[in-house]
Amino acid sequence: MAIEYGNSPVYITGIRYRLRTGAPLAKDPSPVSDDFIIHTFMAECSRMEMFQYTDHLDASEDFRAQGGDLISANYKRLEINTGKGFSGSRVYNPDFIDEEIVSNCSNKGGSLK
């Protein structure tokens, strides 16, 4: 993580994990069932960057629909001396990984390895 201002962005890089699932299905078809099954299929692992400061906004060509590597980006203008700075985040295209990596640490306090 760099801590510089000016033309250099200040950011933190992280990883976002998302378990891919279908709609929950009731184990018992009665209307009062509170027992459900969730079918999972793979997981997503996306790199994200959270910007404390940048003076660059991503162009349309940087996003997946236009052939780039970004899924989303969100920025807000900072009120600093020049008025040209932004803070925000961006998320890159995911890699698909084995769902066991995510589900093994979800409710067990484990770590992602």
C-alpha atoms as a PDB file:
ATOM      1  CA  MET A   1       0.000   0.000   0.000  1.00  0.00           C
ATOM      2  CA  ALA A   2       1.480   3.341  -1.029  1.00  0.00           C
ATOM      3  CA  ILE A   3       0.899   6.486   0.986  1.00  0.00           C
ATOM      4  CA  GLU A   4       1.614   9.238  -1.516  1.00  0.00           C
ATOM      5  CA  TYR A   5      -0.479  12.055  -2.915  1.00  0.00           C
ATOM      6  CA  GLY A   6      -0.335  13.838  -6.222  1.00  0.00           C
ATOM      7  CA  ASN A   7      -0.380  11.610  -9.290  1.00  0.00           C
ATOM      8  CA  SER A   8       0.097   8.415  -7.245  1.00  0.00           C
ATOM      9  CA  PRO A   9      -3.017   6.581  -6.063  1.00  0.00           C
ATOM     10  CA  VAL A  10      -3.322   5.635  -2.388  1.00  0.00           C
ATOM     11  CA  TYR A  11      -5.083   2.275  -2.153  1.00  0.00           C
ATOM     12  CA  ILE A  12      -5.522  -1.008  -0.308  1.00  0.00           C
ATOM     13  CA  THR A  13      -5.841  -4.281  -2.229  1.00  0.00           C
ATOM     14  CA  GLY A  14      -8.161  -7.003  -0.944  1.00  0.00           C
ATOM     15  CA  ILE A  15      -9.904 -10.201  -2.006  1.00  0.00           C
ATOM     16  CA  ARG A  16     -13.686 -10.697  -2.112  1.00  0.00           C
ATOM     17  CA  TYR A  17     -15.118 -14.227  -1.918  1.00  0.00           C
ATOM     18  CA  ARG A  18     -18.674 -14.998  -3.005  1.00  0.00           C
ATOM     19  CA  LEU A  19     -20.361 -18.386  -2.733  1.00  0.00           C
ATOM     20  CA  ARG A  20     -22.568 -19.013  -5.775  1.00  0.00           C
ATOM     21  CA  THR A  21     -25.915 -20.590  -4.857  1.00  0.00           C
ATOM     22  CA  GLY A  22     -29.289 -21.374  -6.314  1.00  0.00           C
ATOM     23  CA  ALA A  23     -32.591 -20.445  -4.690  1.00  0.00           C
ATOM     24  CA  PRO A  24     -33.231 -22.198  -1.343  1.00  0.00           C
ATOM     25  CA  LEU A  25     -35.544 -25.210  -1.542  1.00  0.00           C
ATOM     26  CA  ALA A  26     -37.748 -26.357   1.343  1.00  0.00           C
ATOM     27  CA  LYS A  27     -36.964 -29.886   2.573  1.00  0.00           C
ATOM     28  CA  ASP A  28     -40.642 -30.336   3.425  1.00  0.00           C
ATOM     29  CA  PRO A  29     -43.115 -28.931   0.862  1.00  0.00           C
ATOM     30  CA  SER A  30     -45.631 -27.949   3.573  1.00  0.00           C
ATOM     31  CA  PRO A  31     -46.294 -24.187   3.806  1.00  0.00           C
ATOM     32  CA  VAL A  32     -44.897 -23.943   7.365  1.00  0.00           C
ATOM     33  CA  SER A  33     -41.508 -25.557   6.666  1.00  0.00           C
ATOM     34  CA  ASP A  34     -38.500 -23.722   8.088  1.00  0.00           C
ATOM     35  CA  ASP A  35     -35.909 -26.262   6.955  1.00  0.00           C
ATOM     36  CA  PHE A  36     -34.215 -25.441   3.647  1.00  0.00           C
ATOM     37  CA  ILE A  37     -31.462 -26.777   1.389  1.00  0.00           C
ATOM     38  CA  ILE A  38     -29.169 -24.484  -0.573  1.00  0.00           C
ATOM     39  CA  HIS A  39     -27.417 -25.900  -3.622  1.00  0.00           C
ATOM     40  CA  THR A  40     -24.018 -24.354  -4.208  1.00  0.00           C
ATOM     41  CA  PHE A  41     -22.008 -24.377  -7.387  1.00  0.00           C
ATOM     42  CA  MET A  42     -18.461 -23.010  -7.317  1.00  0.00           C
ATOM     43  CA  ALA A  43     -17.362 -19.749  -5.716  1.00  0.00           C
ATOM     44  CA  GLU A  44     -15.969 -16.476  -7.007  1.00  0.00           C
ATOM     45  CA  CYS A  45     -12.734 -14.849  -5.905  1.00  0.00           C
ATOM     46  CA  SER A  46     -12.362 -11.205  -7.013  1.00  0.00           C
ATOM     47  CA  ARG A  47      -9.516  -8.785  -6.420  1.00  0.00           C
ATOM     48  CA  MET A  48     -10.654  -5.377  -5.211  1.00  0.00           C
ATOM     49  CA  GLU A  49      -8.889  -2.094  -4.729  1.00  0.00           C
ATOM     50  CA  MET A  50     -10.137   0.484  -2.230  1.00  0.00           C
ATOM     51  CA  PHE A  51      -8.819   3.957  -2.965  1.00  0.00           C
ATOM     52  CA  GLN A  52      -8.263   6.539  -0.256  1.00  0.00           C
ATOM     53  CA  TYR A  53      -7.073   8.899  -2.970  1.00  0.00           C
ATOM     54  CA  THR A  54      -6.768   8.819  -6.747  1.00  0.00           C
ATOM     55  CA  ASP A  55      -6.984  11.423  -9.482  1.00  0.00           C
ATOM     56  CA  HIS A  56      -7.919   8.818 -12.131  1.00  0.00           C
ATOM     57  CA  LEU A  57     -11.391   7.543 -13.018  1.00  0.00           C
ATOM     58  CA  ASP A  58     -11.811   4.353 -15.023  1.00  0.00           C
ATOM     59  CA  ALA A  59     -12.916   4.608 -18.649  1.00  0.00           C
ATOM     60  CA  SER A  60     -15.731   2.602 -20.266  1.00  0.00           C
ATOM     61  CA  GLU A  61     -13.152   0.371 -21.976  1.00  0.00           C
ATOM     62  CA  ASP A  62     -11.899  -0.768 -18.548  1.00  0.00           C
ATOM     63  CA  PHE A  63     -15.159  -2.628 -17.787  1.00  0.00           C
ATOM     64  CA  ARG A  64     -16.058  -6.217 -18.677  1.00  0.00           C
ATOM     65  CA  ALA A  65     -18.856  -5.284 -21.112  1.00  0.00           C
ATOM     66  CA  GLN A  66     -16.358  -3.270 -23.154  1.00  0.00           C
ATOM     67  CA  GLY A  67     -13.580  -5.884 -23.069  1.00  0.00           C
ATOM     68  CA  GLY A  68     -11.859  -4.756 -19.848  1.00  0.00           C
ATOM     69  CA  ASP A  69     -11.220  -6.491 -16.514  1.00  0.00           C
ATOM     70  CA  LEU A  70     -13.484  -4.512 -14.149  1.00  0.00           C
ATOM     71  CA  ILE A  71     -16.917  -5.592 -12.873  1.00  0.00           C
ATOM     72  CA  SER A  72     -17.687  -2.391 -11.005  1.00  0.00           C
ATOM     73  CA  ALA A  73     -16.168   0.858  -9.759  1.00  0.00           C
ATOM     74  CA  ASN A  74     -17.549   3.475  -7.376  1.00  0.00           C
ATOM     75  CA  TYR A  75     -15.951   6.864  -6.713  1.00  0.00           C
ATOM     76  CA  LYS A  76     -16.804  10.051  -4.882  1.00  0.00           C
ATOM     77  CA  ARG A  77     -15.094  13.427  -5.181  1.00  0.00           C
ATOM     78  CA  LEU A  78     -12.887  14.528  -2.302  1.00  0.00           C
ATOM     79  CA  GLU A  79     -12.932  18.150  -1.232  1.00  0.00           C
ATOM     80  CA  ILE A  80      -9.188  18.721  -1.072  1.00  0.00           C
ATOM     81  CA  ASN A  81      -6.985  21.608  -2.179  1.00  0.00           C
ATOM     82  CA  THR A  82      -7.231  20.948  -5.908  1.00  0.00           C
ATOM     83  CA  GLY A  83     -10.760  19.495  -5.953  1.00  0.00           C
ATOM     84  CA  LYS A  84      -9.531  16.824  -8.398  1.00  0.00           C
ATOM     85  CA  GLY A  85      -9.172  13.857  -6.030  1.00  0.00           C
ATOM     86  CA  PHE A  86     -11.496  10.888  -5.606  1.00  0.00           C
ATOM     87  CA  SER A  87     -11.953   8.025  -3.153  1.00  0.00           C
ATOM     88  CA  GLY A  88     -13.720   4.777  -3.963  1.00  0.00           C
ATOM     89  CA  SER A  89     -13.260   1.180  -5.000  1.00  0.00           C
ATOM     90  CA  ARG A  90     -13.165  -1.108  -7.989  1.00  0.00           C
ATOM     91  CA  VAL A  91     -13.716  -4.849  -8.380  1.00  0.00           C
ATOM     92  CA  TYR A  92     -12.044  -6.996 -11.041  1.00  0.00           C
ATOM     93  CA  ASN A  93     -13.436 -10.003 -12.954  1.00  0.00           C
ATOM     94  CA  PRO A  94     -13.655 -13.043 -10.657  1.00  0.00           C
ATOM     95  CA  ASP A  95     -11.778 -16.296 -10.829  1.00  0.00           C
ATOM     96  CA  PHE A  96     -13.982 -19.334 -10.199  1.00  0.00           C
ATOM     97  CA  ILE A  97     -12.708 -21.474  -7.339  1.00  0.00           C
ATOM     98  CA  ASP A  98     -13.770 -24.578  -5.410  1.00  0.00           C
ATOM     99  CA  GLU A  99     -16.678 -23.723  -3.098  1.00  0.00           C
ATOM    100  CA  GLU A 100     -15.036 -25.657  -0.242  1.00  0.00           C
ATOM    101  CA  ILE A 101     -12.541 -22.816   0.176  1.00  0.00           C
ATOM    102  CA  VAL A 102     -15.365 -20.421   1.095  1.00  0.00           C
ATOM    103  CA  SER A 103     -17.748 -22.756   2.927  1.00  0.00           C
ATOM    104  CA  ASN A 104     -15.045 -24.225   5.203  1.00  0.00           C
ATOM    105  CA  CYS A 105     -14.391 -20.880   6.847  1.00  0.00           C
ATOM    106  CA  SER A 106     -17.875 -19.318   6.820  1.00  0.00           C
ATOM    107  CA  ASN A 107     -19.263 -20.450  10.194  1.00  0.00           C
ATOM    108  CA  LYS A 108     -16.242 -22.127  11.697  1.00  0.00           C
ATOM    109  CA  GLY A 109     -13.996 -19.118  12.271  1.00  0.00           C
ATOM    110  CA  GLY A 110     -11.395 -20.549   9.916  1.00  0.00           C
ATOM    111  CA  SER A 111      -9.182 -18.701   7.520  1.00  0.00           C
ATOM    112  CA  LEU A 112      -9.089 -18.754   3.731  1.00  0.00           C
ATOM    113  CA  LYS A 113      -6.017 -20.628   2.511  1.00  0.00           C
END
